[in-house]
Amino acid sequence: MSGRALNTWSLRRTLLAVLLGLTLALWVGSAAIVYVEARRESQELFDQSLIETGHLLLSLVEKDVREHGLTGPIDLPLRGHPNPHHYLLFKVRDAQQRVLYRNDAASDIALSRSAPDGLSWTTIAGQRWRLYSLWDQQRSLQLLVAEPTSHRDDISRGFFYRIALFGLLLVALATVAIWWSIHRVFRVLQASADEVSARTPDELADVQVRGAPTELHPLLLEINRLFGRVRHSRDNEQRFTADAAHELRTPLAAIKTNLQVLQRARSAAERDEFIAGLSASVERATRLVNQLLALAQLDPQVQAGTALAPGDLAPLLARQEEAWQALAAPYGLSLAVNAAPAPCALHDDSLQMLLRNLVDNALRYTPAPGVVVVSCGVEGGRSFLRVVDTGPGIAEDMRERVFERFVRLGGGQLPGSGLGLSIVRRIAERHGAQIVLGTGLQGRGLAVTVIFP
């Protein structure tokens, strides 16, 4: 393990931080928009109220001036308000800018003589005020009415505090809800992790999927599929080990027996006979070990990095023809090779192993005088490889079983390991090819056809 510390991070804390951050950001953004819009609308309402107040006051003053006429200012007390000096100021002037009406709070405060008509802003005693200026139709009377912004600010401030308090309450509730949801999900993950960690190497039962969130089902199902593959691989290895031990027991026992008998040999002839038997037993054990090694090398995990390359089956058969003829001669068999162009994606070494096993089986199980034909070509747009003989053949109901390891049918008295066709099937699967078993030559024997994609 590297000496550097592992760069770990917590999915639980990350989710909690992200969700809370998003919740807080959304709330702050929404609250800001609501506050700005509410303040804008409240300003419009205050302005509208100020305008209506101005029109009402001006109409009352016009009526009073028409009826009585005025030459001096009249101070009007503003009763009913706790602090009238900080709420509303108004003055009414004539065309000569003489003050006719004013409230008592505006008696000592000068309102701008040059205020524009309508709404505007002004500063009185260092405080900002909203000012509304209005003339009558004859432009003989001017009304100035002002309202401090402090009143508006107090209302906006109170609204802001209420929004903030309500938002903090929502954030607290959202925090609890998010934490509970994340904790519930991770509790299920932890339960599954505890279930897997509690397993021993021999416990490969499926992990419980019930009760887990739907989003976790693919992960748990893949774990169960992995357990299934491990179970299948373990069962195959156990069966393979048991079968290999059983098959090796026979040649090893024969070797031991021949050695014991060889030690008690009474003549050179007996010694030669037992040496020949010992040699045959060693040959059988050697062949079995070689086949076992070949089968192990064809394991999908071992072969995963080996790619197929474009090639042709015909040159492959042509290179082997002379060696096959030499093998067929001691058996008293006639061997023919019919090689036509058969392009396909192949791995040269493994296909040579496939051919070696098929031809060897045909030679050993075909009685003399017999015929073995090895051919390749193209049928129906697909390349094929075929080995046919005039041997005993295989019954249709037993043709699938011959691909199992250590299964030997109809020829148990002949030397062999029962692994040849298992190796052939493994190589064919690696090439994506299909194996078809049929009847051989002259209406008897066996025909093994490998059809390539």
Protein backbone atom coordinates (compact mmCIF):
# COMPACT_ATOMS: atom_id res chain seq x y z
CA MET A 1 0.00 0.00 0.00
CA SER A 2 1.27 3.51 -0.80
CA GLY A 3 2.63 5.52 2.09
CA ARG A 4 0.49 8.48 1.11
CA ALA A 5 -2.84 8.93 2.87
CA LEU A 6 -5.88 7.85 0.92
CA ASN A 7 -7.88 10.72 -0.54
CA THR A 8 -11.25 9.81 0.94
CA TRP A 9 -14.47 11.80 1.00
CA SER A 10 -17.90 11.31 2.51
CA LEU A 11 -20.87 10.98 0.20
CA ARG A 12 -23.21 11.55 3.15
CA ARG A 13 -21.59 14.87 4.10
CA THR A 14 -21.31 15.93 0.46
CA LEU A 15 -25.01 15.31 -0.20
CA LEU A 16 -25.99 17.06 3.01
CA ALA A 17 -23.82 20.08 2.22
CA VAL A 18 -25.01 20.32 -1.40
CA LEU A 19 -28.71 19.94 -0.60
CA LEU A 20 -28.56 22.36 2.33
CA GLY A 21 -26.56 24.82 0.23
CA LEU A 22 -29.08 24.64 -2.59
CA THR A 23 -31.99 24.98 -0.15
CA LEU A 24 -30.41 28.02 1.52
CA ALA A 25 -29.50 29.61 -1.82
CA LEU A 26 -33.02 29.10 -3.17
CA TRP A 27 -34.56 30.51 0.00
CA VAL A 28 -32.26 33.57 0.08
CA GLY A 29 -32.91 34.24 -3.61
CA SER A 30 -36.66 33.81 -3.21
CA ALA A 31 -36.76 35.94 -0.05
CA ALA A 32 -34.75 38.70 -1.75
CA ILE A 33 -37.11 38.73 -4.74
CA VAL A 34 -40.18 38.75 -2.47
CA TYR A 35 -38.72 41.52 -0.31
CA VAL A 36 -37.77 43.73 -3.28
CA GLU A 37 -41.15 43.24 -4.93
CA ALA A 38 -43.02 43.84 -1.66
CA ARG A 39 -40.98 47.01 -0.98
CA ARG A 40 -41.61 48.28 -4.50
CA GLU A 41 -45.35 47.67 -4.21
CA SER A 42 -45.45 49.25 -0.74
CA GLN A 43 -43.66 52.33 -2.11
CA GLU A 44 -46.27 52.55 -4.85
CA LEU A 45 -49.06 52.26 -2.28
CA PHE A 46 -47.51 54.98 -0.07
CA ASP A 47 -47.05 57.24 -3.10
CA GLN A 48 -50.64 56.67 -4.16
CA SER A 49 -51.82 57.48 -0.63
CA LEU A 50 -49.71 60.67 -0.62
CA ILE A 51 -51.18 61.73 -3.96
CA GLU A 52 -54.74 61.13 -2.80
CA THR A 53 -54.07 63.04 0.43
CA GLY A 54 -52.68 65.97 -1.59
CA HIS A 55 -55.73 66.13 -3.87
CA LEU A 56 -58.09 65.96 -0.90
CA LEU A 57 -56.30 68.74 0.97
CA LEU A 58 -56.12 70.98 -2.09
CA SER A 59 -59.85 70.57 -2.82
CA LEU A 60 -60.70 71.48 0.80
CA VAL A 61 -58.44 74.54 0.70
CA GLU A 62 -59.93 75.72 -2.64
CA LYS A 63 -63.42 75.55 -1.21
CA ASP A 64 -62.42 77.39 1.95
CA VAL A 65 -60.61 80.14 0.01
CA ARG A 66 -63.58 80.69 -2.30
CA GLU A 67 -65.97 81.00 0.63
CA HIS A 68 -63.96 83.07 3.13
CA GLY A 69 -60.80 84.27 1.50
CA LEU A 70 -57.57 84.21 3.43
CA THR A 71 -54.80 86.69 4.00
CA GLY A 72 -52.66 84.96 6.64
CA PRO A 73 -51.40 81.52 7.40
CA ILE A 74 -53.59 79.18 9.36
CA ASP A 75 -51.89 76.44 11.41
CA LEU A 76 -53.83 73.18 11.55
CA PRO A 77 -52.97 70.77 14.36
CA LEU A 78 -52.55 67.14 13.32
CA ARG A 79 -54.25 65.25 16.10
CA GLY A 80 -54.56 61.49 16.59
CA HIS A 81 -50.97 60.69 15.61
CA PRO A 82 -48.41 59.95 18.34
CA ASN A 83 -45.67 61.94 16.61
CA PRO A 84 -47.19 64.31 14.07
CA HIS A 85 -43.89 66.18 13.52
CA HIS A 86 -42.42 63.01 11.99
CA TYR A 87 -45.38 61.78 9.98
CA LEU A 88 -46.85 64.34 7.56
CA LEU A 89 -46.05 67.95 6.60
CA PHE A 90 -48.08 70.10 4.25
CA LYS A 91 -48.28 73.75 3.17
CA VAL A 92 -50.59 75.63 0.83
CA ARG A 93 -49.23 78.73 -0.96
CA ASP A 94 -50.81 81.19 -3.33
CA ALA A 95 -49.29 82.36 -6.57
CA GLN A 96 -47.18 84.93 -4.65
CA GLN A 97 -45.77 82.10 -2.51
CA ARG A 98 -47.60 83.28 0.59
CA VAL A 99 -48.43 80.49 3.00
CA LEU A 100 -52.19 80.11 3.48
CA TYR A 101 -52.43 76.74 5.27
CA ARG A 102 -49.94 74.61 7.07
CA ASN A 103 -50.00 71.96 9.75
CA ASP A 104 -48.32 72.75 13.03
CA ALA A 105 -45.40 70.44 12.31
CA ALA A 106 -44.55 72.42 9.15
CA SER A 107 -44.66 75.84 10.74
CA ASP A 108 -40.92 76.08 11.22
CA ILE A 109 -39.81 73.87 8.35
CA ALA A 110 -39.25 75.25 4.92
CA LEU A 111 -40.51 73.12 2.05
CA SER A 112 -38.80 73.64 -1.28
CA ARG A 113 -40.28 76.51 -3.30
CA SER A 114 -38.80 75.09 -6.50
CA ALA A 115 -40.16 71.55 -6.08
CA PRO A 116 -41.21 70.02 -9.41
CA ASP A 117 -44.81 69.09 -9.96
CA GLY A 118 -45.64 65.58 -8.88
CA LEU A 119 -43.57 63.25 -6.76
CA SER A 120 -39.96 63.92 -5.84
CA TRP A 121 -37.43 63.45 -3.07
CA THR A 122 -36.17 66.10 -0.65
CA THR A 123 -34.06 66.32 2.50
CA ILE A 124 -35.36 67.96 5.67
CA ALA A 125 -33.17 68.22 8.77
CA GLY A 126 -30.85 65.53 7.38
CA GLN A 127 -33.69 63.07 6.77
CA ARG A 128 -35.03 61.92 3.44
CA TRP A 129 -38.67 62.79 2.70
CA ARG A 130 -41.10 61.99 -0.10
CA LEU A 131 -42.54 65.23 -1.52
CA TYR A 132 -45.65 65.76 -3.61
CA SER A 133 -46.33 69.10 -5.31
CA LEU A 134 -49.76 70.00 -6.80
CA TRP A 135 -51.30 73.17 -8.35
CA ASP A 136 -54.96 73.88 -8.82
CA GLN A 137 -56.35 74.37 -12.35
CA GLN A 138 -55.89 78.19 -12.27
CA ARG A 139 -52.37 77.74 -10.81
CA SER A 140 -53.30 80.11 -8.02
CA LEU A 141 -52.81 77.63 -5.20
CA GLN A 142 -49.92 75.21 -4.67
CA LEU A 143 -50.00 72.31 -2.24
CA LEU A 144 -46.79 70.75 -0.89
CA VAL A 145 -47.18 67.61 1.17
CA ALA A 146 -44.22 65.59 2.49
CA GLU A 147 -43.90 62.27 4.24
CA PRO A 148 -40.73 60.92 5.95
CA THR A 149 -39.22 57.69 4.60
CA SER A 150 -38.66 56.49 8.17
CA HIS A 151 -42.28 55.38 8.33
CA ARG A 152 -41.88 53.38 5.15
CA ASP A 153 -38.53 51.97 6.33
CA ASP A 154 -40.08 50.81 9.61
CA ILE A 155 -42.73 48.85 7.75
CA SER A 156 -40.15 47.34 5.32
CA ARG A 157 -37.84 46.45 8.20
CA GLY A 158 -40.63 44.68 10.06
CA PHE A 159 -41.55 42.76 6.89
CA PHE A 160 -37.88 41.77 6.43
CA TYR A 161 -37.61 40.46 9.98
CA ARG A 162 -40.74 38.37 9.53
CA ILE A 163 -39.42 36.90 6.28
CA ALA A 164 -36.04 36.13 7.90
CA LEU A 165 -37.65 34.46 10.91
CA PHE A 166 -39.96 32.39 8.70
CA GLY A 167 -37.04 31.47 6.44
CA LEU A 168 -34.86 30.34 9.34
CA LEU A 169 -37.69 28.13 10.51
CA LEU A 170 -38.03 26.63 7.02
CA VAL A 171 -34.24 26.06 6.77
CA ALA A 172 -34.26 24.28 10.13
CA LEU A 173 -37.14 22.04 9.03
CA ALA A 174 -35.46 21.39 5.65
CA THR A 175 -32.20 20.48 7.42
CA VAL A 176 -33.96 17.92 9.58
CA ALA A 177 -35.90 16.47 6.61
CA ILE A 178 -32.81 16.25 4.37
CA TRP A 179 -30.68 14.72 7.12
CA TRP A 180 -33.36 12.12 7.88
CA SER A 181 -33.76 11.21 4.19
CA ILE A 182 -30.02 10.84 3.62
CA HIS A 183 -29.60 8.91 6.87
CA ARG A 184 -32.38 6.49 5.86
CA VAL A 185 -30.81 5.83 2.46
CA PHE A 186 -27.33 5.29 3.89
CA ARG A 187 -28.73 3.09 6.63
CA VAL A 188 -29.90 0.70 3.90
CA LEU A 189 -26.48 0.88 2.23
CA GLN A 190 -24.77 0.18 5.53
CA ALA A 191 -27.07 -2.78 6.17
CA SER A 192 -26.15 -4.25 2.76
CA ALA A 193 -22.45 -3.60 3.41
CA ASP A 194 -22.69 -5.28 6.82
CA GLU A 195 -24.46 -8.25 5.24
CA VAL A 196 -21.69 -8.66 2.65
CA SER A 197 -18.84 -8.12 5.14
CA ALA A 198 -20.29 -10.76 7.48
CA ARG A 199 -20.02 -13.41 4.76
CA THR A 200 -17.34 -16.08 4.86
CA PRO A 201 -15.62 -17.24 1.62
CA ASP A 202 -18.05 -20.17 1.48
CA GLU A 203 -21.19 -18.03 1.95
CA LEU A 204 -22.14 -16.72 -1.49
CA ALA A 205 -25.92 -16.44 -1.12
CA ASP A 206 -27.61 -13.46 -2.79
CA VAL A 207 -27.76 -10.13 -0.96
CA GLN A 208 -31.26 -9.05 0.10
CA VAL A 209 -32.78 -6.57 -2.38
CA ARG A 210 -36.11 -6.18 -0.61
CA GLY A 211 -36.43 -2.90 1.26
CA ALA A 212 -33.64 -1.16 -0.66
CA PRO A 213 -34.38 1.98 -2.73
CA THR A 214 -35.04 1.39 -6.41
CA GLU A 215 -31.84 3.24 -7.34
CA LEU A 216 -29.78 0.69 -5.38
CA HIS A 217 -31.33 -2.32 -7.09
CA PRO A 218 -28.88 -2.31 -10.07
CA LEU A 219 -25.86 -2.32 -7.72
CA LEU A 220 -27.27 -5.08 -5.51
CA LEU A 221 -28.35 -7.14 -8.52
CA GLU A 222 -24.84 -6.85 -10.01
CA ILE A 223 -23.37 -7.97 -6.68
CA ASN A 224 -25.73 -10.98 -6.74
CA ARG A 225 -24.72 -11.76 -10.33
CA LEU A 226 -21.07 -11.58 -9.27
CA PHE A 227 -21.78 -13.96 -6.40
CA GLY A 228 -23.52 -16.27 -8.88
CA ARG A 229 -20.50 -16.27 -11.18
CA VAL A 230 -18.19 -16.91 -8.24
CA ARG A 231 -20.43 -19.79 -7.09
CA HIS A 232 -20.44 -21.23 -10.60
CA SER A 233 -16.67 -20.85 -10.92
CA ARG A 234 -16.07 -22.36 -7.48
CA ASP A 235 -18.34 -25.34 -8.23
CA ASN A 236 -16.60 -25.88 -11.55
CA GLU A 237 -13.17 -25.72 -9.94
CA GLN A 238 -14.18 -28.12 -7.17
CA ARG A 239 -15.64 -30.54 -9.70
CA PHE A 240 -12.63 -30.10 -11.97
CA THR A 241 -10.21 -30.77 -9.10
CA ALA A 242 -12.14 -33.87 -8.03
CA ASP A 243 -12.32 -35.19 -11.60
CA ALA A 244 -8.65 -34.47 -12.24
CA ALA A 245 -7.63 -36.24 -9.04
CA HIS A 246 -9.80 -39.21 -10.01
CA GLU A 247 -8.38 -39.38 -13.53
CA LEU A 248 -4.80 -39.02 -12.36
CA ARG A 249 -5.27 -41.80 -9.82
CA THR A 250 -5.49 -44.45 -12.59
CA PRO A 251 -2.20 -43.75 -14.42
CA LEU A 252 -0.37 -43.12 -11.14
CA ALA A 253 -1.64 -46.42 -9.73
CA ALA A 254 -0.53 -48.15 -12.93
CA ILE A 255 2.91 -46.53 -12.64
CA LYS A 256 3.21 -47.70 -9.06
CA THR A 257 2.08 -51.24 -9.96
CA ASN A 258 4.48 -51.49 -12.87
CA LEU A 259 7.36 -50.31 -10.71
CA GLN A 260 6.56 -52.90 -8.07
CA VAL A 261 6.29 -55.68 -10.67
CA LEU A 262 9.41 -54.43 -12.43
CA GLN A 263 11.37 -54.86 -9.24
CA ARG A 264 10.34 -58.55 -9.15
CA ALA A 265 10.94 -59.25 -12.83
CA ARG A 266 12.52 -62.69 -13.34
CA SER A 267 13.76 -62.21 -16.86
CA ALA A 268 14.70 -59.54 -19.37
CA ALA A 269 11.50 -60.25 -21.33
CA GLU A 270 9.33 -59.60 -18.28
CA ARG A 271 11.35 -56.51 -17.50
CA ASP A 272 10.84 -55.17 -21.04
CA GLU A 273 7.12 -55.91 -20.81
CA PHE A 274 6.76 -54.02 -17.52
CA ILE A 275 8.89 -51.17 -18.79
CA ALA A 276 6.54 -50.84 -21.78
CA GLY A 277 3.55 -50.77 -19.42
CA LEU A 278 5.27 -48.19 -17.26
CA SER A 279 6.03 -46.08 -20.31
CA ALA A 280 2.36 -46.23 -21.40
CA SER A 281 1.20 -45.17 -17.92
CA VAL A 282 3.66 -42.28 -17.87
CA GLU A 283 2.51 -41.28 -21.36
CA ARG A 284 -1.13 -41.32 -20.25
CA ALA A 285 -0.36 -39.22 -17.15
CA THR A 286 1.71 -36.80 -19.22
CA ARG A 287 -1.09 -36.44 -21.76
CA LEU A 288 -3.65 -35.80 -19.01
CA VAL A 289 -1.46 -33.15 -17.36
CA ASN A 290 -0.87 -31.44 -20.71
CA GLN A 291 -4.58 -31.40 -21.40
CA LEU A 292 -5.29 -29.97 -17.95
CA LEU A 293 -2.72 -27.23 -18.55
CA ALA A 294 -4.21 -26.49 -21.96
CA LEU A 295 -7.69 -26.24 -20.47
CA ALA A 296 -6.43 -23.89 -17.74
CA GLN A 297 -4.75 -21.67 -20.34
CA LEU A 298 -8.05 -21.40 -22.21
CA ASP A 299 -9.81 -19.89 -19.15
CA PRO A 300 -11.72 -16.75 -20.24
CA GLN A 301 -9.86 -14.61 -17.69
CA VAL A 302 -6.49 -15.80 -18.97
CA GLN A 303 -7.47 -15.27 -22.62
CA ALA A 304 -9.17 -11.88 -22.05
CA GLY A 305 -6.19 -9.91 -23.34
CA THR A 306 -5.58 -12.06 -26.46
CA ALA A 307 -7.21 -10.67 -29.59
CA LEU A 308 -8.32 -12.50 -32.72
CA ALA A 309 -6.76 -11.55 -36.05
CA PRO A 310 -8.07 -11.87 -39.63
CA GLY A 311 -6.85 -15.07 -41.24
CA ASP A 312 -7.74 -18.15 -43.28
CA LEU A 313 -8.28 -21.77 -42.22
CA ALA A 314 -6.90 -23.29 -45.45
CA PRO A 315 -3.20 -22.51 -44.79
CA LEU A 316 -3.63 -23.80 -41.25
CA LEU A 317 -4.80 -27.20 -42.55
CA ALA A 318 -2.14 -27.31 -45.26
CA ARG A 319 0.65 -26.86 -42.70
CA GLN A 320 -0.62 -29.79 -40.61
CA GLU A 321 -1.39 -32.28 -43.41
CA GLU A 322 2.02 -34.00 -43.47
CA ALA A 323 2.06 -34.47 -39.68
CA TRP A 324 -1.49 -35.89 -39.72
CA GLN A 325 -0.58 -38.37 -42.45
CA ALA A 326 2.32 -39.60 -40.30
CA LEU A 327 -0.02 -40.01 -37.31
CA ALA A 328 -2.66 -41.91 -39.35
CA ALA A 329 -0.20 -44.49 -40.76
CA PRO A 330 0.35 -46.48 -37.51
CA TYR A 331 -3.44 -46.74 -37.07
CA GLY A 332 -3.90 -48.19 -40.58
CA LEU A 333 -6.22 -45.30 -41.55
CA SER A 334 -6.58 -43.20 -44.68
CA LEU A 335 -6.50 -39.45 -43.99
CA ALA A 336 -7.44 -36.78 -46.54
CA VAL A 337 -7.33 -32.97 -46.32
CA ASN A 338 -9.68 -30.83 -48.45
CA ALA A 339 -8.72 -27.19 -47.81
CA ALA A 340 -10.70 -24.44 -49.57
CA PRO A 341 -10.38 -20.73 -48.70
CA ALA A 342 -12.19 -20.05 -45.42
CA PRO A 343 -11.50 -16.50 -44.12
CA CYS A 344 -12.35 -15.74 -40.49
CA ALA A 345 -11.02 -14.05 -37.35
CA LEU A 346 -8.82 -16.54 -35.55
CA HIS A 347 -6.07 -17.16 -33.03
CA ASP A 348 -3.51 -19.41 -34.71
CA ASP A 349 -2.17 -21.31 -31.68
CA SER A 350 -5.55 -22.11 -30.13
CA LEU A 351 -7.00 -23.25 -33.48
CA GLN A 352 -4.04 -25.60 -33.94
CA MET A 353 -4.88 -27.05 -30.52
CA LEU A 354 -8.52 -27.46 -31.61
CA LEU A 355 -7.49 -29.28 -34.79
CA ARG A 356 -5.01 -31.47 -32.91
CA ASN A 357 -7.70 -32.65 -30.50
CA LEU A 358 -10.31 -33.29 -33.22
CA VAL A 359 -7.92 -35.20 -35.47
CA ASP A 360 -6.44 -37.15 -32.54
CA ASN A 361 -9.93 -38.23 -31.39
CA ALA A 362 -10.87 -39.29 -34.94
CA LEU A 363 -7.66 -41.34 -35.34
CA ARG A 364 -7.93 -43.07 -31.95
CA TYR A 365 -11.64 -43.96 -32.17
CA THR A 366 -11.78 -45.00 -35.85
CA PRO A 367 -11.06 -48.73 -36.35
CA ALA A 368 -8.84 -49.84 -39.23
CA PRO A 369 -9.30 -49.84 -42.10
CA GLY A 370 -11.06 -46.49 -41.84
CA VAL A 371 -11.16 -43.01 -43.30
CA VAL A 372 -10.69 -39.58 -41.71
CA VAL A 373 -11.32 -36.40 -43.72
CA VAL A 374 -10.34 -32.91 -42.55
CA SER A 375 -11.80 -30.04 -44.59
CA CYS A 376 -12.58 -26.33 -44.50
CA GLY A 377 -14.43 -23.89 -46.74
CA VAL A 378 -17.45 -21.59 -46.89
CA GLU A 379 -21.09 -22.68 -46.70
CA GLY A 380 -24.03 -20.33 -46.50
CA GLY A 381 -21.72 -17.34 -46.28
CA ARG A 382 -19.93 -18.68 -43.17
CA SER A 383 -16.53 -20.33 -42.92
CA PHE A 384 -16.42 -23.83 -41.47
CA LEU A 385 -13.95 -26.46 -40.28
CA ARG A 386 -15.00 -30.13 -40.36
CA VAL A 387 -13.45 -33.45 -39.25
CA VAL A 388 -15.36 -36.62 -40.24
CA ASP A 389 -14.53 -40.31 -39.74
CA THR A 390 -15.91 -43.82 -40.12
CA GLY A 391 -15.68 -44.66 -36.42
CA PRO A 392 -18.46 -45.73 -34.02
CA GLY A 393 -19.96 -42.24 -33.80
CA ILE A 394 -21.97 -40.84 -30.86
CA ALA A 395 -25.65 -41.40 -30.15
CA GLU A 396 -27.75 -38.23 -30.57
CA ASP A 397 -28.94 -38.24 -26.96
CA MET A 398 -25.34 -38.30 -25.74
CA ARG A 399 -23.83 -35.69 -28.06
CA GLU A 400 -24.10 -32.82 -25.57
CA ARG A 401 -22.46 -34.78 -22.74
CA VAL A 402 -19.23 -35.42 -24.65
CA PHE A 403 -18.28 -31.75 -24.18
CA GLU A 404 -18.20 -32.20 -20.40
CA ARG A 405 -14.79 -32.69 -18.84
CA PHE A 406 -13.59 -36.27 -18.24
CA VAL A 407 -16.59 -37.77 -20.05
CA ARG A 408 -15.60 -40.64 -22.36
CA LEU A 409 -18.34 -42.50 -24.25
CA GLY A 410 -18.07 -45.63 -26.34
CA GLY A 411 -14.32 -45.79 -26.09
CA GLY A 412 -13.46 -46.11 -22.44
CA GLN A 413 -11.10 -48.95 -23.16
CA LEU A 414 -8.88 -46.66 -25.24
CA PRO A 415 -6.29 -44.37 -23.63
CA GLY A 416 -7.47 -40.78 -23.24
CA SER A 417 -8.30 -38.05 -20.74
CA GLY A 418 -11.84 -37.10 -21.71
CA LEU A 419 -10.79 -33.46 -22.06
CA GLY A 420 -10.34 -33.17 -25.83
CA LEU A 421 -13.85 -32.01 -26.74
CA SER A 422 -14.00 -29.75 -23.65
CA ILE A 423 -10.93 -27.98 -25.01
CA VAL A 424 -12.50 -27.84 -28.48
CA ARG A 425 -15.67 -26.21 -27.11
CA ARG A 426 -13.69 -23.65 -25.07
CA ILE A 427 -11.67 -22.64 -28.15
CA ALA A 428 -14.80 -22.44 -30.31
CA GLU A 429 -16.54 -20.22 -27.73
CA ARG A 430 -13.55 -17.92 -27.72
CA HIS A 431 -13.88 -17.54 -31.51
CA GLY A 432 -17.66 -17.07 -31.28
CA ALA A 433 -18.06 -20.26 -33.30
CA GLN A 434 -20.74 -22.94 -33.16
CA ILE A 435 -20.03 -26.70 -32.92
CA VAL A 436 -22.39 -29.11 -34.69
CA LEU A 437 -22.13 -32.90 -34.27
CA GLY A 438 -23.50 -35.10 -37.05
CA THR A 439 -23.12 -38.43 -38.83
CA GLY A 440 -19.77 -39.16 -40.47
CA LEU A 441 -18.83 -40.93 -43.70
CA GLN A 442 -20.66 -43.86 -45.26
CA GLY A 443 -23.68 -43.32 -43.01
CA ARG A 444 -21.70 -43.98 -39.84
CA GLY A 445 -18.99 -42.39 -37.75
CA LEU A 446 -18.93 -38.84 -36.46
CA ALA A 447 -18.77 -35.45 -38.16
CA VAL A 448 -17.63 -32.48 -36.03
CA THR A 449 -18.27 -29.12 -37.76
CA VAL A 450 -17.07 -25.79 -36.33
CA ILE A 451 -18.96 -22.87 -37.96
CA PHE A 452 -17.32 -19.48 -37.61
CA PRO A 453 -19.17 -16.15 -37.52
